[in-house]
C-alpha atoms as a PDB file:
ATOM      1  CA  MET A   1      72.539  64.937  82.537  1.00  0.00           C
ATOM      2  CA  LYS A   2      70.851  68.051  80.443  1.00  0.00           C
ATOM      3  CA  LYS A   3      72.101  66.521  77.169  1.00  0.00           C
ATOM      4  CA  LYS A   4      71.302  63.187  77.560  1.00  0.00           C
ATOM      5  CA  THR A   5      67.349  64.095  78.213  1.00  0.00           C
ATOM      6  CA  VAL A   6      67.303  66.449  75.645  1.00  0.00           C
ATOM      7  CA  ALA A   7      68.995  63.178  73.367  1.00  0.00           C
ATOM      8  CA  ILE A   8      66.344  60.686  74.425  1.00  0.00           C
ATOM      9  CA  LEU A   9      63.552  63.467  74.071  1.00  0.00           C
ATOM     10  CA  SER A  10      64.622  64.355  71.001  1.00  0.00           C
ATOM     11  CA  SER A  11      64.792  60.765  69.938  1.00  0.00           C
ATOM     12  CA  ILE A  12      61.232  59.960  70.970  1.00  0.00           C
ATOM     13  CA  VAL A  13      59.793  62.295  69.289  1.00  0.00           C
ATOM     14  CA  ILE A  14      61.829  62.006  66.354  1.00  0.00           C
ATOM     15  CA  ILE A  15      60.508  57.914  66.260  1.00  0.00           C
ATOM     16  CA  CYS A  16      56.809  59.186  67.089  1.00  0.00           C
ATOM     17  CA  VAL A  17      56.714  61.471  64.041  1.00  0.00           C
ATOM     18  CA  ILE A  18      58.373  59.028  61.572  1.00  0.00           C
ATOM     19  CA  THR A  19      55.723  56.635  63.072  1.00  0.00           C
ATOM     20  CA  LEU A  20      53.002  59.228  62.599  1.00  0.00           C
ATOM     21  CA  MET A  21      53.861  59.632  58.743  1.00  0.00           C
ATOM     22  CA  LEU A  22      54.149  55.988  58.463  1.00  0.00           C
ATOM     23  CA  ILE A  23      50.299  54.934  59.836  1.00  0.00           C
ATOM     24  CA  ILE A  24      48.951  58.177  57.674  1.00  0.00           C
ATOM     25  CA  HIS A  25      50.709  57.308  54.514  1.00  0.00           C
ATOM     26  CA  LEU A  26      50.685  53.204  54.434  1.00  0.00           C
ATOM     27  CA  PRO A  27      48.083  51.810  51.502  1.00  0.00           C
ATOM     28  CA  ARG A  28      44.680  51.758  53.070  1.00  0.00           C
ATOM     29  CA  ASN A  29      41.812  49.545  52.138  1.00  0.00           C
ATOM     30  CA  ILE A  30      38.687  51.768  50.339  1.00  0.00           C
ATOM     31  CA  GLN A  31      35.224  50.065  49.828  1.00  0.00           C
ATOM     32  CA  ARG A  32      32.994  53.653  49.669  1.00  0.00           C
ATOM     33  CA  GLU A  33      29.423  53.419  47.893  1.00  0.00           C
ATOM     34  CA  PHE A  34      28.223  56.933  47.467  1.00  0.00           C
ATOM     35  CA  LEU A  35      25.538  58.542  45.925  1.00  0.00           C
ATOM     36  CA  GLY A  36      25.659  61.874  43.818  1.00  0.00           C
ATOM     37  CA  VAL A  37      24.261  63.275  41.029  1.00  0.00           C
ATOM     38  CA  GLN A  38      25.631  63.747  37.799  1.00  0.00           C
ATOM     39  CA  ILE A  39      24.890  67.837  36.067  1.00  0.00           C
ATOM     40  CA  LYS A  40      26.249  69.896  33.179  1.00  0.00           C
ATOM     41  CA  ALA A  41      27.904  72.686  34.035  1.00  0.00           C
ATOM     42  CA  GLY A  42      26.673  76.160  33.547  1.00  0.00           C
ATOM     43  CA  LYS A  43      23.403  78.349  34.278  1.00  0.00           C
ATOM     44  CA  GLU A  44      21.496  77.137  31.032  1.00  0.00           C
ATOM     45  CA  ASN A  45      22.141  73.702  31.997  1.00  0.00           C
ATOM     46  CA  SER A  46      20.666  74.265  35.376  1.00  0.00           C
ATOM     47  CA  GLU A  47      17.658  71.557  35.281  1.00  0.00           C
ATOM     48  CA  THR A  48      19.818  68.900  34.337  1.00  0.00           C
ATOM     49  CA  LEU A  49      20.329  66.749  36.898  1.00  0.00           C
ATOM     50  CA  GLU A  50      20.976  62.792  37.280  1.00  0.00           C
ATOM     51  CA  TYR A  51      21.041  60.560  40.065  1.00  0.00           C
ATOM     52  CA  VAL A  52      24.260  58.420  40.107  1.00  0.00           C
ATOM     53  CA  SER A  53      25.489  55.320  42.277  1.00  0.00           C
ATOM     54  CA  LEU A  54      29.203  55.194  43.018  1.00  0.00           C
ATOM     55  CA  TYR A  55      31.535  52.081  44.154  1.00  0.00           C
ATOM     56  CA  PHE A  56      35.411  52.191  44.610  1.00  0.00           C
ATOM     57  CA  ASP A  57      36.846  48.930  45.820  1.00  0.00           C
ATOM     58  CA  GLY A  58      40.793  49.143  46.197  1.00  0.00           C
ATOM     59  CA  ARG A  59      43.762  50.281  47.704  1.00  0.00           C
ATOM     60  CA  PHE A  60      44.139  54.360  48.554  1.00  0.00           C
ATOM     61  CA  GLN A  61      47.354  55.588  49.349  1.00  0.00           C
ATOM     62  CA  LYS A  62      47.966  59.140  49.964  1.00  0.00           C
ATOM     63  CA  ALA A  63      51.062  61.069  48.747  1.00  0.00           C
ATOM     64  CA  PHE A  64      54.129  60.839  50.801  1.00  0.00           C
ATOM     65  CA  LEU A  65      57.359  61.770  48.729  1.00  0.00           C
ATOM     66  CA  THR A  66      54.977  60.953  45.226  1.00  0.00           C
ATOM     67  CA  GLN A  67      51.465  60.977  44.340  1.00  0.00           C
ATOM     68  CA  ALA A  68      48.771  59.400  45.987  1.00  0.00           C
ATOM     69  CA  SER A  69      47.115  56.592  44.488  1.00  0.00           C
ATOM     70  CA  PHE A  70      44.209  54.786  43.857  1.00  0.00           C
ATOM     71  CA  VAL A  71      44.189  50.885  42.080  1.00  0.00           C
ATOM     72  CA  GLY A  72      41.031  48.901  42.512  1.00  0.00           C
ATOM     73  CA  TYR A  73      37.840  48.615  40.611  1.00  0.00           C
ATOM     74  CA  VAL A  74      35.200  51.428  40.180  1.00  0.00           C
ATOM     75  CA  VAL A  75      31.434  51.321  38.947  1.00  0.00           C
ATOM     76  CA  LEU A  76      29.399  54.324  38.356  1.00  0.00           C
ATOM     77  CA  GLU A  77      25.423  53.686  37.213  1.00  0.00           C
ATOM     78  CA  SER A  78      23.032  55.863  36.657  1.00  0.00           C
ATOM     79  CA  ASN A  79      19.175  55.085  35.408  1.00  0.00           C
ATOM     80  CA  GLY A  80      20.509  51.499  34.900  1.00  0.00           C
ATOM     81  CA  ASP A  81      23.592  52.287  32.600  1.00  0.00           C
ATOM     82  CA  VAL A  82      26.831  51.086  34.044  1.00  0.00           C
ATOM     83  CA  ALA A  83      30.601  52.002  33.286  1.00  0.00           C
ATOM     84  CA  GLU A  84      32.503  49.899  35.579  1.00  0.00           C
ATOM     85  CA  GLY A  85      36.922  48.834  35.221  1.00  0.00           C
ATOM     86  CA  GLU A  86      39.737  48.061  37.082  1.00  0.00           C
ATOM     87  CA  VAL A  87      41.689  51.545  37.431  1.00  0.00           C
ATOM     88  CA  ASN A  88      45.238  52.373  38.486  1.00  0.00           C
ATOM     89  CA  ILE A  89      44.831  56.242  39.310  1.00  0.00           C
ATOM     90  CA  ARG A  90      47.994  58.704  39.714  1.00  0.00           C
ATOM     91  CA  PHE A  91      46.809  61.915  41.847  1.00  0.00           C
ATOM     92  CA  HIS A  92      48.500  65.158  40.465  1.00  0.00           C
ATOM     93  CA  PRO A  93      48.040  67.923  43.257  1.00  0.00           C
ATOM     94  CA  GLU A  94      46.940  70.207  40.755  1.00  0.00           C
ATOM     95  CA  LEU A  95      45.106  67.990  38.100  1.00  0.00           C
ATOM     96  CA  GLY A  96      43.566  65.656  39.440  1.00  0.00           C
ATOM     97  CA  GLY A  97      43.886  61.680  38.725  1.00  0.00           C
ATOM     98  CA  HIS A  98      42.976  60.070  35.027  1.00  0.00           C
ATOM     99  CA  LEU A  99      40.144  58.000  35.056  1.00  0.00           C
ATOM    100  CA  VAL A 100      40.852  55.312  32.693  1.00  0.00           C
ATOM    101  CA  PHE A 101      38.972  51.749  33.033  1.00  0.00           C
ATOM    102  CA  TYR A 102      40.473  48.955  31.917  1.00  0.00           C
ATOM    103  CA  SER A 103      39.417  45.707  30.930  1.00  0.00           C
ATOM    104  CA  THR A 104      40.113  43.001  32.815  1.00  0.00           C
ATOM    105  CA  ASP A 105      42.878  41.473  29.975  1.00  0.00           C
ATOM    106  CA  SER A 106      43.939  45.239  30.052  1.00  0.00           C
ATOM    107  CA  SER A 107      43.682  45.244  26.634  1.00  0.00           C
ATOM    108  CA  VAL A 108      40.805  47.578  25.994  1.00  0.00           C
ATOM    109  CA  GLN A 109      40.815  51.236  27.788  1.00  0.00           C
ATOM    110  CA  ASN A 110      37.917  53.525  28.403  1.00  0.00           C
ATOM    111  CA  ASN A 111      38.377  57.065  28.783  1.00  0.00           C
ATOM    112  CA  ILE A 112      36.064  58.178  31.457  1.00  0.00           C
ATOM    113  CA  GLY A 113      37.624  61.980  32.332  1.00  0.00           C
ATOM    114  CA  SER A 114      39.472  63.247  35.529  1.00  0.00           C
ATOM    115  CA  ILE A 115      38.626  62.474  38.960  1.00  0.00           C
ATOM    116  CA  PHE A 116      39.340  64.431  41.985  1.00  0.00           C
ATOM    117  CA  ILE A 117      38.766  63.152  45.312  1.00  0.00           C
ATOM    118  CA  ASP A 118      39.445  64.727  49.119  1.00  0.00           C
ATOM    119  CA  SER A 119      42.789  63.709  51.529  1.00  0.00           C
ATOM    120  CA  ASN A 120      40.399  61.107  53.060  1.00  0.00           C
ATOM    121  CA  PHE A 121      38.513  59.849  50.160  1.00  0.00           C
ATOM    122  CA  LYS A 122      35.196  61.180  51.491  1.00  0.00           C
ATOM    123  CA  GLN A 123      34.405  63.346  47.851  1.00  0.00           C
ATOM    124  CA  VAL A 124      34.881  62.661  44.720  1.00  0.00           C
ATOM    125  CA  THR A 125      33.875  64.571  41.347  1.00  0.00           C
ATOM    126  CA  ILE A 126      34.606  62.842  38.249  1.00  0.00           C
ATOM    127  CA  THR A 127      34.724  65.796  35.252  1.00  0.00           C
ATOM    128  CA  VAL A 128      33.434  63.394  31.808  1.00  0.00           C
ATOM    129  CA  ALA A 129      35.392  63.787  28.399  1.00  0.00           C
ATOM    130  CA  GLU A 130      33.180  64.225  25.916  1.00  0.00           C
ATOM    131  CA  PRO A 131      33.991  63.069  22.095  1.00  0.00           C
ATOM    132  CA  VAL A 132      34.989  66.494  20.279  1.00  0.00           C
ATOM    133  CA  GLU A 133      32.282  66.911  17.282  1.00  0.00           C
ATOM    134  CA  GLU A 134      34.969  67.641  14.410  1.00  0.00           C
ATOM    135  CA  ASP A 135      37.659  64.977  15.876  1.00  0.00           C
ATOM    136  CA  LEU A 136      35.460  62.053  17.576  1.00  0.00           C
ATOM    137  CA  ASN A 137      38.957  60.926  18.353  1.00  0.00           C
ATOM    138  CA  LYS A 138      39.403  63.724  21.059  1.00  0.00           C
ATOM    139  CA  THR A 139      37.524  64.372  24.184  1.00  0.00           C
ATOM    140  CA  HIS A 140      37.002  67.719  26.028  1.00  0.00           C
ATOM    141  CA  TRP A 141      35.804  69.337  29.195  1.00  0.00           C
ATOM    142  CA  SER A 142      35.129  72.701  29.912  1.00  0.00           C
ATOM    143  CA  SER A 143      33.783  74.584  32.956  1.00  0.00           C
ATOM    144  CA  SER A 144      30.713  76.338  30.974  1.00  0.00           C
ATOM    145  CA  ASP A 145      29.655  73.326  29.772  1.00  0.00           C
ATOM    146  CA  GLY A 146      31.061  69.927  31.080  1.00  0.00           C
ATOM    147  CA  LEU A 147      29.205  67.240  32.759  1.00  0.00           C
ATOM    148  CA  ILE A 148      30.190  66.506  35.853  1.00  0.00           C
ATOM    149  CA  ILE A 149      29.580  63.618  38.620  1.00  0.00           C
ATOM    150  CA  CYS A 150      29.919  64.645  42.020  1.00  0.00           C
ATOM    151  CA  ALA A 151      29.211  62.570  45.681  1.00  0.00           C
ATOM    152  CA  PRO A 152      27.958  62.784  47.830  1.00  0.00           C
ATOM    153  CA  ALA A 153      25.654  64.938  46.359  1.00  0.00           C
ATOM    154  CA  SER A 154      21.632  65.517  46.020  1.00  0.00           C
ATOM    155  CA  THR A 155      21.228  68.818  44.838  1.00  0.00           C
ATOM    156  CA  ARG A 156      23.242  70.567  41.540  1.00  0.00           C
ATOM    157  CA  GLU A 157      24.298  73.338  44.313  1.00  0.00           C
ATOM    158  CA  GLU A 158      25.906  70.717  46.302  1.00  0.00           C
ATOM    159  CA  ALA A 159      27.545  69.237  43.514  1.00  0.00           C
ATOM    160  CA  ILE A 160      28.957  72.430  42.235  1.00  0.00           C
ATOM    161  CA  ILE A 161      30.036  73.759  46.004  1.00  0.00           C
ATOM    162  CA  ILE A 162      32.041  70.053  46.520  1.00  0.00           C
ATOM    163  CA  SER A 163      33.300  70.261  42.834  1.00  0.00           C
ATOM    164  CA  ASN A 164      34.403  73.831  42.814  1.00  0.00           C
ATOM    165  CA  ASP A 165      36.245  73.044  46.034  1.00  0.00           C
ATOM    166  CA  LEU A 166      37.770  69.374  44.665  1.00  0.00           C
ATOM    167  CA  MET A 167      38.568  71.063  41.281  1.00  0.00           C
ATOM    168  CA  LYS A 168      40.047  74.838  42.811  1.00  0.00           C
ATOM    169  CA  ASN A 169      44.035  73.562  41.926  1.00  0.00           C
ATOM    170  CA  TYR A 170      42.524  72.712  38.369  1.00  0.00           C
ATOM    171  CA  LEU A 171      40.536  75.691  37.857  1.00  0.00           C
ATOM    172  CA  ASN A 172      42.542  78.368  39.429  1.00  0.00           C
ATOM    173  CA  GLY A 173      44.101  80.767  36.071  1.00  0.00           C
ATOM    174  CA  ARG A 174      42.608  78.119  33.603  1.00  0.00           C
ATOM    175  CA  MET A 175      38.810  77.969  33.122  1.00  0.00           C
ATOM    176  CA  GLU A 176      36.053  79.612  35.243  1.00  0.00           C
ATOM    177  CA  PRO A 177      34.594  78.300  38.589  1.00  0.00           C
ATOM    178  CA  ILE A 178      31.348  75.908  37.325  1.00  0.00           C
ATOM    179  CA  LYS A 179      28.587  77.365  37.740  1.00  0.00           C
END
C-alpha cells in the first residue's frame, strides 16, 4: 500500500514539475514599450544623456535546453531619429545577444550592438557598436567610453545600475564596471 501511494505521489510531482517547466518556457508574445536613456560610459562623459523610446513586438522564449530567444520587431527612437527592423536574437547567458536589424527582405543588415535583458524582459541594456576610427568596417564597444541605451531608466545613475546588473557576467573579468 505504501509503495502504491509513493508511486502515485511521485507521478503527481513529476507531472506538476513537467507542466510548470512547460508553462515557464513556452514562447510568449511580447509587446513592450520602454522609456529609457542613452548615455556614454565614463565619468568624464557624465553630462551625456538622451531620452530614448524602445519598442519590442515579437515572441520571447526562455531557455530550457537551448538559448533564450526573441524574434520580432524592434524600434529605437531618440530625438526624432528612428532605427527599426526585424530581429532574431539568441541570448547567451554571459554575452547577451546580438542586436541586428534586418530589412523586410532580409538583404540588408544593420548591426546595432549587443543586447542584455532580465529573465522577464522587464529591463534592457543595449551596448551600441561604434565604428573604429582606423577601420570603419570594424565596430567596438568599451565599458570606459561606449554608448549605452538602458530602459526603464530616467537618469544616468539608474542606467548605470541596471546596465552593470544586466551585464555583470559579460563584464566580469573582461572589462571594468560602467561608471
